Amino acid sequence: MSLLSGSHTTFACGKPRFSARRRSAARQSKLDSYKPIVDRLLKDGGWNAQVILREI
């Protein structure tokens, strides 16, 4: 039997075994409250992660 013939090992009742995943609503990050501060530091030229972490 060919794999393309739709055997019971690859399809059940003519439908694929796995359905497409649903996208969940975007979750908030623990860092979301710090985003304005980080954005300001990056805008001011603070590209050092250790400095940004110390500032927040």
C-alpha atoms as a PDB file:
ATOM      1  CA  MET A   1       0.000   0.000   0.000  1.00  0.00           C
ATOM      2  CA  SER A   2       1.354   3.432  -0.919  1.00  0.00           C
ATOM      3  CA  LEU A   3       1.721   6.260   1.605  1.00  0.00           C
ATOM      4  CA  LEU A   4      -0.236   8.491  -0.751  1.00  0.00           C
ATOM      5  CA  SER A   5      -3.235   6.198  -0.864  1.00  0.00           C
ATOM      6  CA  GLY A   6      -4.789   7.620   2.308  1.00  0.00           C
ATOM      7  CA  SER A   7      -4.284   4.559   4.469  1.00  0.00           C
ATOM      8  CA  HIS A   8      -5.585   4.485   8.023  1.00  0.00           C
ATOM      9  CA  THR A   9      -2.078   5.126   9.377  1.00  0.00           C
ATOM     10  CA  THR A  10      -1.864   8.622   7.913  1.00  0.00           C
ATOM     11  CA  PHE A  11      -5.517   9.683   7.812  1.00  0.00           C
ATOM     12  CA  ALA A  12      -8.568   8.879   9.905  1.00  0.00           C
ATOM     13  CA  CYS A  13     -11.905   9.003   8.092  1.00  0.00           C
ATOM     14  CA  GLY A  14     -10.255  10.881   5.208  1.00  0.00           C
ATOM     15  CA  LYS A  15      -9.194  13.805   7.447  1.00  0.00           C
ATOM     16  CA  PRO A  16      -5.697  14.670   8.656  1.00  0.00           C
ATOM     17  CA  ARG A  17      -4.958  13.626  12.241  1.00  0.00           C
ATOM     18  CA  PHE A  18      -3.857  17.065  13.389  1.00  0.00           C
ATOM     19  CA  SER A  19      -5.799  20.263  12.933  1.00  0.00           C
ATOM     20  CA  ALA A  20      -4.277  23.712  12.619  1.00  0.00           C
ATOM     21  CA  ARG A  21      -3.396  25.426  15.875  1.00  0.00           C
ATOM     22  CA  ARG A  22      -5.486  28.332  17.043  1.00  0.00           C
ATOM     23  CA  ARG A  23      -3.672  31.531  17.853  1.00  0.00           C
ATOM     24  CA  SER A  24      -4.200  32.601  21.417  1.00  0.00           C
ATOM     25  CA  ALA A  25      -4.539  36.189  22.509  1.00  0.00           C
ATOM     26  CA  ALA A  26      -1.218  37.946  23.000  1.00  0.00           C
ATOM     27  CA  ARG A  27       0.027  37.542  26.536  1.00  0.00           C
ATOM     28  CA  GLN A  28       1.589  40.345  28.469  1.00  0.00           C
ATOM     29  CA  SER A  29       5.262  40.128  29.289  1.00  0.00           C
ATOM     30  CA  LYS A  30       6.674  40.678  32.756  1.00  0.00           C
ATOM     31  CA  LEU A  31       8.742  43.441  31.172  1.00  0.00           C
ATOM     32  CA  ASP A  32       5.832  45.321  29.570  1.00  0.00           C
ATOM     33  CA  SER A  33       5.708  47.836  32.409  1.00  0.00           C
ATOM     34  CA  TYR A  34       9.397  48.672  31.785  1.00  0.00           C
ATOM     35  CA  LYS A  35       9.033  49.142  28.026  1.00  0.00           C
ATOM     36  CA  PRO A  36       8.782  52.981  28.106  1.00  0.00           C
ATOM     37  CA  ILE A  37      11.961  53.188  30.213  1.00  0.00           C
ATOM     38  CA  VAL A  38      13.857  50.770  27.976  1.00  0.00           C
ATOM     39  CA  ASP A  39      12.672  52.617  24.855  1.00  0.00           C
ATOM     40  CA  ARG A  40      13.882  55.917  26.322  1.00  0.00           C
ATOM     41  CA  LEU A  41      17.281  54.447  27.253  1.00  0.00           C
ATOM     42  CA  LEU A  42      17.712  52.962  23.778  1.00  0.00           C
ATOM     43  CA  LYS A  43      16.725  56.267  22.183  1.00  0.00           C
ATOM     44  CA  ASP A  44      19.319  58.049  24.336  1.00  0.00           C
ATOM     45  CA  GLY A  45      22.024  55.674  23.074  1.00  0.00           C
ATOM     46  CA  GLY A  46      22.083  53.128  25.909  1.00  0.00           C
ATOM     47  CA  TRP A  47      22.826  49.930  24.009  1.00  0.00           C
ATOM     48  CA  ASN A  48      24.488  48.128  26.953  1.00  0.00           C
ATOM     49  CA  ALA A  49      22.084  45.538  28.405  1.00  0.00           C
ATOM     50  CA  GLN A  50      23.723  45.618  31.834  1.00  0.00           C
ATOM     51  CA  VAL A  51      23.243  49.396  32.077  1.00  0.00           C
ATOM     52  CA  ILE A  52      19.613  49.126  30.948  1.00  0.00           C
ATOM     53  CA  LEU A  53      18.959  46.379  33.495  1.00  0.00           C
ATOM     54  CA  ARG A  54      20.512  48.454  36.259  1.00  0.00           C
ATOM     55  CA  GLU A  55      18.347  51.448  35.265  1.00  0.00           C
ATOM     56  CA  ILE A  56      15.074  49.545  35.355  1.00  0.00           C
END
